[in-house]
């Protein structure tokens, strides 16, 4: 929901490279559709920022399997299968998408 969420490939790469420069050893990455901010798990979207991050940092790349609660497990795993990162998250179910404690803080939802 944050207005600071990096959405475009350049924003994602800049944020990841900045985090590594500040000392992050692992960079957990989500791709975003630069038009609407939604989280696609299409490897082509990750391809727009992964090479720049890999060539600019020594950080361990951690690709999310989060995606969206509307995706199948197979859809959420596509980028990890495609890129074979050093590390990938393992989201076991829809419980990982619960926003319950913060629901009252937001009047409208973006990037769903």
C-alpha atoms as a PDB file:
ATOM      1  CA  UNK A   1       0.000   0.000   0.000  1.00  0.00           C
ATOM      2  CA  UNK A   2       3.023   2.265   0.416  1.00  0.00           C
ATOM      3  CA  UNK A   3       3.665   5.075  -2.011  1.00  0.00           C
ATOM      4  CA  UNK A   4       7.346   4.136  -1.613  1.00  0.00           C
ATOM      5  CA  UNK A   5       6.889   0.662  -3.123  1.00  0.00           C
ATOM      6  CA  UNK A   6       9.245   0.300  -6.095  1.00  0.00           C
ATOM      7  CA  UNK A   7       7.131  -0.659  -9.106  1.00  0.00           C
ATOM      8  CA  UNK A   8       9.068  -0.047 -12.305  1.00  0.00           C
ATOM      9  CA  UNK A   9      12.068  -2.214 -13.201  1.00  0.00           C
ATOM     10  CA  UNK A  10      14.401   0.752 -12.639  1.00  0.00           C
ATOM     11  CA  UNK A  11      12.849   1.495  -9.238  1.00  0.00           C
ATOM     12  CA  UNK A  12      13.155  -2.160  -8.195  1.00  0.00           C
ATOM     13  CA  UNK A  13      16.783  -2.356  -9.361  1.00  0.00           C
ATOM     14  CA  UNK A  14      17.665   0.958  -7.699  1.00  0.00           C
ATOM     15  CA  UNK A  15      16.088  -0.111  -4.395  1.00  0.00           C
ATOM     16  CA  UNK A  16      17.832  -3.497  -4.457  1.00  0.00           C
ATOM     17  CA  UNK A  17      21.211  -2.029  -5.370  1.00  0.00           C
ATOM     18  CA  UNK A  18      20.762   0.641  -2.701  1.00  0.00           C
ATOM     19  CA  UNK A  19      19.932  -1.997  -0.079  1.00  0.00           C
ATOM     20  CA  UNK A  20      23.023  -4.004  -1.022  1.00  0.00           C
ATOM     21  CA  UNK A  21      25.116  -0.844  -0.882  1.00  0.00           C
ATOM     22  CA  UNK A  22      23.785  -0.192   2.615  1.00  0.00           C
ATOM     23  CA  UNK A  23      24.874  -3.670   3.705  1.00  0.00           C
ATOM     24  CA  UNK A  24      22.041  -6.051   2.831  1.00  0.00           C
ATOM     25  CA  UNK A  25      23.456  -9.522   2.181  1.00  0.00           C
ATOM     26  CA  UNK A  26      20.203 -10.932   0.761  1.00  0.00           C
ATOM     27  CA  UNK A  27      17.760  -9.156  -1.536  1.00  0.00           C
ATOM     28  CA  UNK A  28      14.196 -10.509  -1.584  1.00  0.00           C
ATOM     29  CA  UNK A  29      12.661  -9.538  -4.920  1.00  0.00           C
ATOM     30  CA  UNK A  30       9.108  -9.115  -6.139  1.00  0.00           C
ATOM     31  CA  UNK A  31       8.297  -8.048  -9.682  1.00  0.00           C
ATOM     32  CA  UNK A  32       5.577  -5.501 -10.340  1.00  0.00           C
ATOM     33  CA  UNK A  33       3.631  -4.588 -13.438  1.00  0.00           C
ATOM     34  CA  UNK A  34       4.875  -1.022 -14.029  1.00  0.00           C
ATOM     35  CA  UNK A  35       1.405   0.054 -15.194  1.00  0.00           C
ATOM     36  CA  UNK A  36      -0.806  -1.085 -12.302  1.00  0.00           C
ATOM     37  CA  UNK A  37       1.673  -2.323  -9.666  1.00  0.00           C
ATOM     38  CA  UNK A  38       0.190  -5.813  -9.537  1.00  0.00           C
ATOM     39  CA  UNK A  39       2.605  -8.687  -8.768  1.00  0.00           C
ATOM     40  CA  UNK A  40       3.067 -10.814 -11.887  1.00  0.00           C
ATOM     41  CA  UNK A  41       5.125 -13.982 -11.677  1.00  0.00           C
ATOM     42  CA  UNK A  42       6.079 -13.845 -15.356  1.00  0.00           C
ATOM     43  CA  UNK A  43       9.846 -14.448 -15.660  1.00  0.00           C
ATOM     44  CA  UNK A  44       9.962 -11.818 -18.431  1.00  0.00           C
ATOM     45  CA  UNK A  45       9.072  -9.136 -15.877  1.00  0.00           C
ATOM     46  CA  UNK A  46      11.872 -10.260 -13.524  1.00  0.00           C
ATOM     47  CA  UNK A  47      14.244 -10.249 -16.511  1.00  0.00           C
ATOM     48  CA  UNK A  48      13.815  -6.468 -16.722  1.00  0.00           C
ATOM     49  CA  UNK A  49      15.697  -5.913 -13.436  1.00  0.00           C
ATOM     50  CA  UNK A  50      17.527  -9.089 -12.391  1.00  0.00           C
ATOM     51  CA  UNK A  51      20.545  -8.713 -14.717  1.00  0.00           C
ATOM     52  CA  UNK A  52      21.236  -5.189 -13.475  1.00  0.00           C
ATOM     53  CA  UNK A  53      21.008  -6.246  -9.833  1.00  0.00           C
ATOM     54  CA  UNK A  54      23.218  -9.299 -10.387  1.00  0.00           C
ATOM     55  CA  UNK A  55      25.870  -7.267 -12.191  1.00  0.00           C
ATOM     56  CA  UNK A  56      25.814  -4.449  -9.610  1.00  0.00           C
ATOM     57  CA  UNK A  57      25.857  -6.357  -6.310  1.00  0.00           C
ATOM     58  CA  UNK A  58      27.277  -9.415  -4.594  1.00  0.00           C
ATOM     59  CA  UNK A  59      24.061  -9.897  -2.636  1.00  0.00           C
ATOM     60  CA  UNK A  60      22.280 -13.224  -2.597  1.00  0.00           C
ATOM     61  CA  UNK A  61      19.209 -13.023  -4.850  1.00  0.00           C
ATOM     62  CA  UNK A  62      16.005 -14.276  -3.211  1.00  0.00           C
ATOM     63  CA  UNK A  63      13.058 -14.492  -5.614  1.00  0.00           C
ATOM     64  CA  UNK A  64       9.600 -14.491  -4.092  1.00  0.00           C
ATOM     65  CA  UNK A  65       7.038 -17.212  -4.570  1.00  0.00           C
ATOM     66  CA  UNK A  66       4.428 -14.867  -3.146  1.00  0.00           C
ATOM     67  CA  UNK A  67       2.707 -13.468  -6.195  1.00  0.00           C
ATOM     68  CA  UNK A  68      -0.987 -13.139  -5.476  1.00  0.00           C
ATOM     69  CA  UNK A  69      -3.579 -15.205  -3.609  1.00  0.00           C
ATOM     70  CA  UNK A  70      -5.302 -15.603  -6.977  1.00  0.00           C
ATOM     71  CA  UNK A  71      -2.340 -17.557  -8.432  1.00  0.00           C
ATOM     72  CA  UNK A  72      -1.710 -21.274  -8.286  1.00  0.00           C
ATOM     73  CA  UNK A  73       1.434 -22.561  -6.602  1.00  0.00           C
ATOM     74  CA  UNK A  74       2.790 -23.422 -10.051  1.00  0.00           C
ATOM     75  CA  UNK A  75       2.278 -19.833 -11.235  1.00  0.00           C
ATOM     76  CA  UNK A  76       3.937 -18.430  -8.133  1.00  0.00           C
ATOM     77  CA  UNK A  77       6.985 -20.685  -8.615  1.00  0.00           C
ATOM     78  CA  UNK A  78       7.614 -19.780 -12.277  1.00  0.00           C
ATOM     79  CA  UNK A  79      10.411 -17.230 -11.706  1.00  0.00           C
ATOM     80  CA  UNK A  80      12.249 -19.452  -9.207  1.00  0.00           C
ATOM     81  CA  UNK A  81      12.110 -22.402 -11.598  1.00  0.00           C
ATOM     82  CA  UNK A  82      13.215 -20.225 -14.498  1.00  0.00           C
ATOM     83  CA  UNK A  83      16.097 -18.323 -12.861  1.00  0.00           C
ATOM     84  CA  UNK A  84      17.237 -20.910 -10.288  1.00  0.00           C
ATOM     85  CA  UNK A  85      18.245 -18.242  -7.735  1.00  0.00           C
ATOM     86  CA  UNK A  86      20.483 -18.960  -4.759  1.00  0.00           C
ATOM     87  CA  UNK A  87      17.439 -18.570  -2.536  1.00  0.00           C
ATOM     88  CA  UNK A  88      13.665 -18.491  -3.025  1.00  0.00           C
ATOM     89  CA  UNK A  89      10.838 -17.926  -0.580  1.00  0.00           C
ATOM     90  CA  UNK A  90       8.407 -20.721   0.135  1.00  0.00           C
ATOM     91  CA  UNK A  91       4.856 -19.521   0.706  1.00  0.00           C
ATOM     92  CA  UNK A  92       2.764 -22.474   1.781  1.00  0.00           C
ATOM     93  CA  UNK A  93      -0.699 -21.034   1.433  1.00  0.00           C
ATOM     94  CA  UNK A  94      -3.092 -18.139   1.439  1.00  0.00           C
ATOM     95  CA  UNK A  95      -2.358 -17.400   5.104  1.00  0.00           C
ATOM     96  CA  UNK A  96       0.725 -15.559   3.877  1.00  0.00           C
ATOM     97  CA  UNK A  97      -1.482 -12.966   2.243  1.00  0.00           C
ATOM     98  CA  UNK A  98      -3.404 -12.022   5.384  1.00  0.00           C
ATOM     99  CA  UNK A  99      -3.555  -8.272   5.982  1.00  0.00           C
ATOM    100  CA  UNK A 100      -5.859  -8.483   8.963  1.00  0.00           C
ATOM    101  CA  UNK A 101      -4.066  -6.228  11.510  1.00  0.00           C
ATOM    102  CA  UNK A 102      -3.576  -3.444   8.996  1.00  0.00           C
ATOM    103  CA  UNK A 103      -6.921  -3.553   7.196  1.00  0.00           C
ATOM    104  CA  UNK A 104      -8.338  -0.687   9.224  1.00  0.00           C
ATOM    105  CA  UNK A 105      -5.399   1.581   8.249  1.00  0.00           C
ATOM    106  CA  UNK A 106      -6.299   1.615   4.554  1.00  0.00           C
ATOM    107  CA  UNK A 107      -9.355   3.035   2.862  1.00  0.00           C
ATOM    108  CA  UNK A 108      -8.356   1.951  -0.655  1.00  0.00           C
ATOM    109  CA  UNK A 109      -6.112  -0.842  -1.819  1.00  0.00           C
ATOM    110  CA  UNK A 110      -3.488  -0.616  -4.538  1.00  0.00           C
ATOM    111  CA  UNK A 111      -1.194  -3.118  -6.187  1.00  0.00           C
ATOM    112  CA  UNK A 112      -3.423  -6.117  -5.441  1.00  0.00           C
END
